Amino acid sequence: MLCEDAILFGHRLTFNGYSAHRNGGVANIVPARGQTVHGVLWYVPDHEAKRLDRREGAPHVYHRNLVLVRCCGMWEEAVTYQLVHPLPYEIAPSDEYARIVLSGIVNPNYRKKVEKHIANLQKEAFFDETIGF
């Protein structure tokens, strides 16, 4: 691990993809002025990057995107994965997938923000199911 709290400026975390395997919304990052995404920065050797690409469905589901993140007071290049065909709306992630996403967030304030966002998506999904949408 290179950095526990790498910050990507000008983007936000969204769940605007659907996975039948994950049974709900899946994470993506999208440009968003004034927003930030916090994550862990890892060093991945080239031979492992190909395995990671396969796991993430690159290049058909997600594509690699080179970004600059702020890490320990320094700027670092990082590779992110962004959905190739994002939906125009968000879908609540399954409880299991939400736990996976949240377990990777080290920054406690950002974790609370993401927890609240997921809870709001789950409330919206419950409301839509209740009234028959």
N, C-alpha and C. Protein backbone atom coordinates (compact mmCIF):
# COMPACT_ATOMS: atom_id res chain seq x y z
N MET A 1 0.85 -1.17 0.00
CA MET A 1 0.00 0.00 0.00
C MET A 1 0.89 1.23 0.00
N LEU A 2 0.56 2.18 -0.86
CA LEU A 2 1.32 3.42 -0.91
C LEU A 2 0.72 4.51 -0.02
N CYS A 3 -0.61 4.51 0.09
CA CYS A 3 -1.28 5.59 0.82
C CYS A 3 -2.66 5.12 1.26
N GLU A 4 -2.99 5.36 2.53
CA GLU A 4 -4.30 4.96 3.05
C GLU A 4 -5.41 5.92 2.67
N ASP A 5 -5.09 7.17 2.44
CA ASP A 5 -6.14 8.15 2.14
C ASP A 5 -5.74 9.02 0.96
N ALA A 6 -5.78 8.42 -0.21
CA ALA A 6 -5.52 9.16 -1.44
C ALA A 6 -6.81 9.92 -1.80
N ILE A 7 -6.66 11.16 -2.23
CA ILE A 7 -7.83 12.00 -2.52
C ILE A 7 -7.84 12.35 -4.00
N LEU A 8 -8.95 12.02 -4.65
CA LEU A 8 -9.18 12.38 -6.04
C LEU A 8 -10.12 13.58 -6.04
N PHE A 9 -9.63 14.71 -6.50
CA PHE A 9 -10.43 15.94 -6.53
C PHE A 9 -11.25 16.01 -7.81
N GLY A 10 -12.39 16.71 -7.73
CA GLY A 10 -13.21 16.94 -8.91
C GLY A 10 -13.99 15.73 -9.37
N HIS A 11 -14.21 14.77 -8.48
CA HIS A 11 -14.99 13.57 -8.79
C HIS A 11 -15.85 13.22 -7.58
N ARG A 12 -16.84 12.35 -7.82
CA ARG A 12 -17.64 11.83 -6.72
C ARG A 12 -17.92 10.35 -6.96
N LEU A 13 -18.15 9.65 -5.86
CA LEU A 13 -18.51 8.23 -5.92
C LEU A 13 -19.99 8.13 -6.23
N THR A 14 -20.33 7.25 -7.15
CA THR A 14 -21.72 7.04 -7.51
C THR A 14 -21.95 5.55 -7.72
N PHE A 15 -23.19 5.14 -7.69
CA PHE A 15 -23.54 3.74 -7.94
C PHE A 15 -24.44 3.71 -9.18
N ASN A 16 -23.89 4.13 -10.30
CA ASN A 16 -24.67 4.25 -11.53
C ASN A 16 -24.38 3.13 -12.53
N GLY A 17 -24.17 1.94 -11.98
CA GLY A 17 -24.05 0.74 -12.79
C GLY A 17 -24.81 -0.36 -12.09
N TYR A 18 -25.20 -1.39 -12.85
CA TYR A 18 -25.91 -2.52 -12.26
C TYR A 18 -25.15 -3.80 -12.53
N SER A 19 -25.08 -4.65 -11.53
CA SER A 19 -24.46 -5.97 -11.67
C SER A 19 -25.42 -7.03 -11.15
N ALA A 20 -25.79 -7.98 -12.03
CA ALA A 20 -26.62 -9.10 -11.58
C ALA A 20 -25.83 -9.96 -10.60
N HIS A 21 -24.53 -10.08 -10.84
CA HIS A 21 -23.66 -10.85 -9.94
C HIS A 21 -23.65 -10.25 -8.54
N ARG A 22 -23.60 -8.92 -8.46
CA ARG A 22 -23.59 -8.22 -7.17
C ARG A 22 -25.00 -7.93 -6.65
N ASN A 23 -26.00 -8.20 -7.49
CA ASN A 23 -27.40 -8.02 -7.11
C ASN A 23 -27.73 -6.58 -6.70
N GLY A 24 -27.24 -5.63 -7.51
CA GLY A 24 -27.55 -4.24 -7.22
C GLY A 24 -26.59 -3.29 -7.89
N GLY A 25 -26.60 -2.06 -7.41
CA GLY A 25 -25.74 -1.03 -7.96
C GLY A 25 -24.27 -1.30 -7.68
N VAL A 26 -23.43 -0.85 -8.61
CA VAL A 26 -21.98 -0.98 -8.43
C VAL A 26 -21.33 0.39 -8.54
N ALA A 27 -20.18 0.50 -7.89
CA ALA A 27 -19.49 1.78 -7.75
C ALA A 27 -18.87 2.27 -9.05
N ASN A 28 -18.81 3.56 -9.14
CA ASN A 28 -18.19 4.26 -10.26
C ASN A 28 -17.75 5.62 -9.73
N ILE A 29 -16.85 6.26 -10.43
CA ILE A 29 -16.52 7.65 -10.11
C ILE A 29 -16.82 8.49 -11.34
N VAL A 30 -17.38 9.66 -11.10
CA VAL A 30 -17.73 10.56 -12.19
C VAL A 30 -17.22 11.96 -11.86
N PRO A 31 -16.90 12.73 -12.90
CA PRO A 31 -16.47 14.12 -12.66
C PRO A 31 -17.56 14.90 -11.93
N ALA A 32 -17.14 15.70 -10.95
CA ALA A 32 -18.08 16.52 -10.18
C ALA A 32 -17.30 17.64 -9.52
N ARG A 33 -17.48 18.83 -10.03
CA ARG A 33 -16.76 20.00 -9.51
C ARG A 33 -17.00 20.17 -8.01
N GLY A 34 -15.92 20.39 -7.28
CA GLY A 34 -16.02 20.65 -5.85
C GLY A 34 -16.17 19.40 -4.98
N GLN A 35 -16.21 18.23 -5.58
CA GLN A 35 -16.37 16.99 -4.82
C GLN A 35 -15.03 16.25 -4.73
N THR A 36 -14.95 15.30 -3.84
CA THR A 36 -13.74 14.47 -3.71
C THR A 36 -14.13 13.02 -3.49
N VAL A 37 -13.22 12.14 -3.89
CA VAL A 37 -13.34 10.71 -3.61
C VAL A 37 -12.08 10.31 -2.85
N HIS A 38 -12.26 9.63 -1.74
CA HIS A 38 -11.13 9.15 -0.94
C HIS A 38 -10.99 7.65 -1.16
N GLY A 39 -9.75 7.22 -1.28
CA GLY A 39 -9.51 5.79 -1.47
C GLY A 39 -8.10 5.41 -1.06
N VAL A 40 -7.83 4.14 -1.16
CA VAL A 40 -6.51 3.60 -0.84
C VAL A 40 -5.72 3.48 -2.14
N LEU A 41 -4.48 3.91 -2.11
CA LEU A 41 -3.61 3.82 -3.28
C LEU A 41 -2.67 2.63 -3.09
N TRP A 42 -2.73 1.70 -4.02
CA TRP A 42 -1.92 0.49 -3.99
C TRP A 42 -0.92 0.49 -5.12
N TYR A 43 0.22 -0.14 -4.93
CA TYR A 43 1.14 -0.42 -6.01
C TYR A 43 0.75 -1.79 -6.57
N VAL A 44 0.50 -1.85 -7.87
CA VAL A 44 0.13 -3.11 -8.52
C VAL A 44 1.14 -3.38 -9.63
N PRO A 45 1.91 -4.47 -9.53
CA PRO A 45 2.86 -4.80 -10.59
C PRO A 45 2.14 -5.07 -11.91
N ASP A 46 2.82 -4.85 -13.02
CA ASP A 46 2.22 -5.02 -14.35
C ASP A 46 1.54 -6.38 -14.52
N HIS A 47 2.21 -7.45 -14.11
CA HIS A 47 1.62 -8.78 -14.31
C HIS A 47 0.34 -8.97 -13.49
N GLU A 48 0.21 -8.27 -12.39
CA GLU A 48 -1.01 -8.34 -11.59
C GLU A 48 -2.08 -7.39 -12.14
N ALA A 49 -1.66 -6.32 -12.80
CA ALA A 49 -2.61 -5.36 -13.37
C ALA A 49 -3.50 -6.03 -14.41
N LYS A 50 -2.95 -6.96 -15.17
CA LYS A 50 -3.75 -7.67 -16.17
C LYS A 50 -4.82 -8.52 -15.49
N ARG A 51 -4.48 -9.13 -14.38
CA ARG A 51 -5.48 -9.90 -13.62
C ARG A 51 -6.55 -8.98 -13.05
N LEU A 52 -6.13 -7.82 -12.57
CA LEU A 52 -7.08 -6.84 -12.04
C LEU A 52 -8.01 -6.35 -13.14
N ASP A 53 -7.47 -6.09 -14.33
CA ASP A 53 -8.30 -5.70 -15.47
C ASP A 53 -9.39 -6.74 -15.72
N ARG A 54 -9.01 -8.01 -15.75
CA ARG A 54 -9.99 -9.08 -15.99
C ARG A 54 -11.06 -9.09 -14.90
N ARG A 55 -10.62 -8.94 -13.66
CA ARG A 55 -11.57 -8.95 -12.54
C ARG A 55 -12.57 -7.79 -12.64
N GLU A 56 -12.09 -6.65 -13.09
CA GLU A 56 -12.94 -5.46 -13.21
C GLU A 56 -13.71 -5.41 -14.53
N GLY A 57 -13.49 -6.40 -15.39
CA GLY A 57 -14.22 -6.43 -16.66
C GLY A 57 -13.68 -5.46 -17.69
N ALA A 58 -12.43 -5.04 -17.54
CA ALA A 58 -11.83 -4.11 -18.51
C ALA A 58 -11.45 -4.88 -19.77
N PRO A 59 -11.69 -4.30 -20.89
CA PRO A 59 -12.15 -2.93 -21.15
C PRO A 59 -13.64 -2.81 -21.45
N HIS A 60 -14.42 -3.88 -21.25
CA HIS A 60 -15.82 -3.87 -21.68
C HIS A 60 -16.80 -3.32 -20.63
N VAL A 61 -16.57 -3.60 -19.37
CA VAL A 61 -17.46 -3.12 -18.30
C VAL A 61 -16.90 -1.84 -17.69
N TYR A 62 -15.65 -1.90 -17.28
CA TYR A 62 -14.93 -0.74 -16.77
C TYR A 62 -13.73 -0.49 -17.67
N HIS A 63 -13.32 0.77 -17.75
CA HIS A 63 -12.08 1.09 -18.47
C HIS A 63 -11.13 1.78 -17.50
N ARG A 64 -9.85 1.60 -17.78
CA ARG A 64 -8.83 2.26 -16.95
C ARG A 64 -8.81 3.74 -17.25
N ASN A 65 -8.59 4.54 -16.21
CA ASN A 65 -8.49 5.98 -16.37
C ASN A 65 -7.34 6.47 -15.49
N LEU A 66 -6.39 7.16 -16.08
CA LEU A 66 -5.25 7.69 -15.34
C LEU A 66 -5.64 9.04 -14.72
N VAL A 67 -5.43 9.18 -13.42
CA VAL A 67 -5.78 10.40 -12.69
C VAL A 67 -4.63 10.81 -11.78
N LEU A 68 -4.72 12.03 -11.27
CA LEU A 68 -3.79 12.50 -10.24
C LEU A 68 -4.52 12.54 -8.91
N VAL A 69 -3.89 11.96 -7.89
CA VAL A 69 -4.47 11.98 -6.55
C VAL A 69 -3.50 12.64 -5.59
N ARG A 70 -4.03 13.20 -4.53
CA ARG A 70 -3.20 13.80 -3.48
C ARG A 70 -3.00 12.74 -2.40
N CYS A 71 -1.74 12.48 -2.10
CA CYS A 71 -1.42 11.38 -1.20
C CYS A 71 -0.26 11.80 -0.30
N CYS A 72 -0.50 11.91 1.00
CA CYS A 72 0.55 12.31 1.95
C CYS A 72 1.21 13.63 1.54
N GLY A 73 0.41 14.57 1.06
CA GLY A 73 0.92 15.88 0.68
C GLY A 73 1.59 15.94 -0.68
N MET A 74 1.60 14.84 -1.42
CA MET A 74 2.24 14.81 -2.74
C MET A 74 1.22 14.38 -3.78
N TRP A 75 1.46 14.79 -5.02
CA TRP A 75 0.62 14.35 -6.14
C TRP A 75 1.18 13.05 -6.70
N GLU A 76 0.30 12.09 -6.93
CA GLU A 76 0.68 10.79 -7.46
C GLU A 76 -0.24 10.43 -8.62
N GLU A 77 0.31 9.79 -9.64
CA GLU A 77 -0.53 9.24 -10.70
C GLU A 77 -1.16 7.95 -10.18
N ALA A 78 -2.40 7.75 -10.56
CA ALA A 78 -3.11 6.53 -10.15
C ALA A 78 -4.01 6.08 -11.28
N VAL A 79 -4.28 4.81 -11.32
CA VAL A 79 -5.23 4.25 -12.28
C VAL A 79 -6.53 4.00 -11.54
N THR A 80 -7.62 4.47 -12.10
CA THR A 80 -8.95 4.18 -11.58
C THR A 80 -9.69 3.39 -12.65
N TYR A 81 -10.79 2.81 -12.26
CA TYR A 81 -11.67 2.14 -13.21
C TYR A 81 -12.99 2.89 -13.22
N GLN A 82 -13.45 3.21 -14.44
CA GLN A 82 -14.73 3.89 -14.59
C GLN A 82 -15.61 3.08 -15.52
N LEU A 83 -16.91 3.09 -15.25
CA LEU A 83 -17.84 2.33 -16.07
C LEU A 83 -17.81 2.80 -17.52
N VAL A 84 -17.85 1.85 -18.43
CA VAL A 84 -17.89 2.16 -19.86
C VAL A 84 -19.27 2.70 -20.23
N HIS A 85 -20.33 2.09 -19.68
CA HIS A 85 -21.71 2.50 -19.98
C HIS A 85 -22.46 2.80 -18.68
N PRO A 86 -22.16 3.94 -18.05
CA PRO A 86 -22.87 4.27 -16.81
C PRO A 86 -24.34 4.55 -17.08
N LEU A 87 -25.16 4.27 -16.10
CA LEU A 87 -26.59 4.57 -16.19
C LEU A 87 -26.81 6.05 -15.87
N PRO A 88 -27.92 6.63 -16.32
CA PRO A 88 -28.20 8.04 -16.01
C PRO A 88 -28.80 8.23 -14.61
N TYR A 89 -28.86 7.17 -13.84
CA TYR A 89 -29.40 7.22 -12.48
C TYR A 89 -28.60 6.25 -11.61
N GLU A 90 -28.80 6.34 -10.30
CA GLU A 90 -28.10 5.46 -9.38
C GLU A 90 -29.01 4.33 -8.90
N ILE A 91 -28.38 3.22 -8.55
CA ILE A 91 -29.07 2.04 -8.03
C ILE A 91 -28.44 1.70 -6.68
N ALA A 92 -29.27 1.41 -5.71
CA ALA A 92 -28.75 1.04 -4.39
C ALA A 92 -27.93 -0.24 -4.49
N PRO A 93 -26.75 -0.25 -3.89
CA PRO A 93 -25.97 -1.49 -3.86
C PRO A 93 -26.59 -2.49 -2.88
N SER A 94 -26.31 -3.76 -3.10
CA SER A 94 -26.74 -4.78 -2.13
C SER A 94 -26.02 -4.52 -0.80
N ASP A 95 -26.56 -5.06 0.26
CA ASP A 95 -25.91 -4.90 1.57
C ASP A 95 -24.49 -5.46 1.54
N GLU A 96 -24.32 -6.62 0.91
CA GLU A 96 -22.99 -7.24 0.84
C GLU A 96 -22.00 -6.36 0.08
N TYR A 97 -22.42 -5.83 -1.07
CA TYR A 97 -21.51 -4.98 -1.85
C TYR A 97 -21.23 -3.68 -1.11
N ALA A 98 -22.24 -3.12 -0.45
CA ALA A 98 -22.03 -1.90 0.34
C ALA A 98 -20.98 -2.14 1.42
N ARG A 99 -21.04 -3.30 2.07
CA ARG A 99 -20.03 -3.62 3.10
C ARG A 99 -18.63 -3.70 2.49
N ILE A 100 -18.53 -4.27 1.29
CA ILE A 100 -17.23 -4.37 0.62
C ILE A 100 -16.68 -2.98 0.33
N VAL A 101 -17.53 -2.11 -0.22
CA VAL A 101 -17.10 -0.74 -0.55
C VAL A 101 -16.69 -0.01 0.73
N LEU A 102 -17.52 -0.06 1.74
CA LEU A 102 -17.24 0.66 2.98
C LEU A 102 -16.00 0.13 3.70
N SER A 103 -15.74 -1.15 3.59
CA SER A 103 -14.57 -1.72 4.26
C SER A 103 -13.26 -1.20 3.67
N GLY A 104 -13.32 -0.68 2.45
CA GLY A 104 -12.12 -0.14 1.82
C GLY A 104 -11.90 1.34 2.07
N ILE A 105 -12.79 1.97 2.82
CA ILE A 105 -12.68 3.41 3.08
C ILE A 105 -12.06 3.61 4.46
N VAL A 106 -10.89 4.21 4.48
CA VAL A 106 -10.15 4.41 5.73
C VAL A 106 -10.53 5.72 6.41
N ASN A 107 -10.77 6.77 5.63
CA ASN A 107 -11.09 8.09 6.18
C ASN A 107 -12.47 8.04 6.84
N PRO A 108 -12.56 8.25 8.17
CA PRO A 108 -13.83 8.10 8.87
C PRO A 108 -14.91 9.09 8.43
N ASN A 109 -14.54 10.32 8.14
CA ASN A 109 -15.53 11.31 7.69
C ASN A 109 -16.09 10.95 6.32
N TYR A 110 -15.21 10.51 5.43
CA TYR A 110 -15.67 10.12 4.10
C TYR A 110 -16.53 8.85 4.19
N ARG A 111 -16.14 7.95 5.05
CA ARG A 111 -16.92 6.71 5.23
C ARG A 111 -18.35 7.05 5.66
N LYS A 112 -18.50 7.97 6.61
CA LYS A 112 -19.84 8.38 7.06
C LYS A 112 -20.64 8.98 5.90
N LYS A 113 -19.98 9.77 5.09
CA LYS A 113 -20.64 10.39 3.93
C LYS A 113 -21.15 9.31 2.97
N VAL A 114 -20.32 8.33 2.69
CA VAL A 114 -20.71 7.25 1.77
C VAL A 114 -21.80 6.39 2.39
N GLU A 115 -21.70 6.10 3.69
CA GLU A 115 -22.76 5.34 4.38
C GLU A 115 -24.10 6.05 4.24
N LYS A 116 -24.11 7.36 4.42
CA LYS A 116 -25.34 8.14 4.30
C LYS A 116 -25.88 8.10 2.87
N HIS A 117 -24.99 8.20 1.90
CA HIS A 117 -25.41 8.16 0.50
C HIS A 117 -26.04 6.80 0.18
N ILE A 118 -25.41 5.72 0.63
CA ILE A 118 -25.95 4.38 0.39
C ILE A 118 -27.31 4.23 1.07
N ALA A 119 -27.43 4.70 2.30
CA ALA A 119 -28.70 4.61 3.03
C ALA A 119 -29.80 5.36 2.28
N ASN A 120 -29.48 6.53 1.73
CA ASN A 120 -30.47 7.29 0.96
C ASN A 120 -30.89 6.53 -0.30
N LEU A 121 -29.93 5.90 -0.98
CA LEU A 121 -30.27 5.11 -2.17
C LEU A 121 -31.16 3.93 -1.79
N GLN A 122 -30.87 3.29 -0.67
CA GLN A 122 -31.68 2.16 -0.22
C GLN A 122 -33.09 2.60 0.16
N LYS A 123 -33.22 3.78 0.78
CA LYS A 123 -34.55 4.32 1.10
C LYS A 123 -35.34 4.59 -0.17
N GLU A 124 -34.69 5.19 -1.17
CA GLU A 124 -35.35 5.47 -2.44
C GLU A 124 -35.81 4.18 -3.09
N ALA A 125 -34.97 3.15 -3.06
CA ALA A 125 -35.33 1.86 -3.66
C ALA A 125 -36.52 1.25 -2.94
N PHE A 126 -36.53 1.33 -1.61
CA PHE A 126 -37.64 0.81 -0.82
C PHE A 126 -38.92 1.56 -1.17
N PHE A 127 -38.84 2.88 -1.27
CA PHE A 127 -40.00 3.70 -1.60
C PHE A 127 -40.53 3.33 -2.98
N ASP A 128 -39.63 3.18 -3.96
CA ASP A 128 -40.04 2.81 -5.32
C ASP A 128 -40.73 1.45 -5.34
N GLU A 129 -40.20 0.47 -4.59
CA GLU A 129 -40.80 -0.86 -4.52
C GLU A 129 -42.17 -0.80 -3.85
N THR A 130 -42.30 0.03 -2.82
CA THR A 130 -43.54 0.12 -2.06
C THR A 130 -44.67 0.68 -2.90
N ILE A 131 -44.38 1.67 -3.74
CA ILE A 131 -45.45 2.28 -4.53
C ILE A 131 -45.56 1.68 -5.93
N GLY A 132 -44.73 0.68 -6.21
CA GLY A 132 -44.89 -0.06 -7.46
C GLY A 132 -44.15 0.45 -8.66
N PHE A 133 -43.07 1.18 -8.49
CA PHE A 133 -42.28 1.63 -9.65
C PHE A 133 -41.29 0.58 -10.07
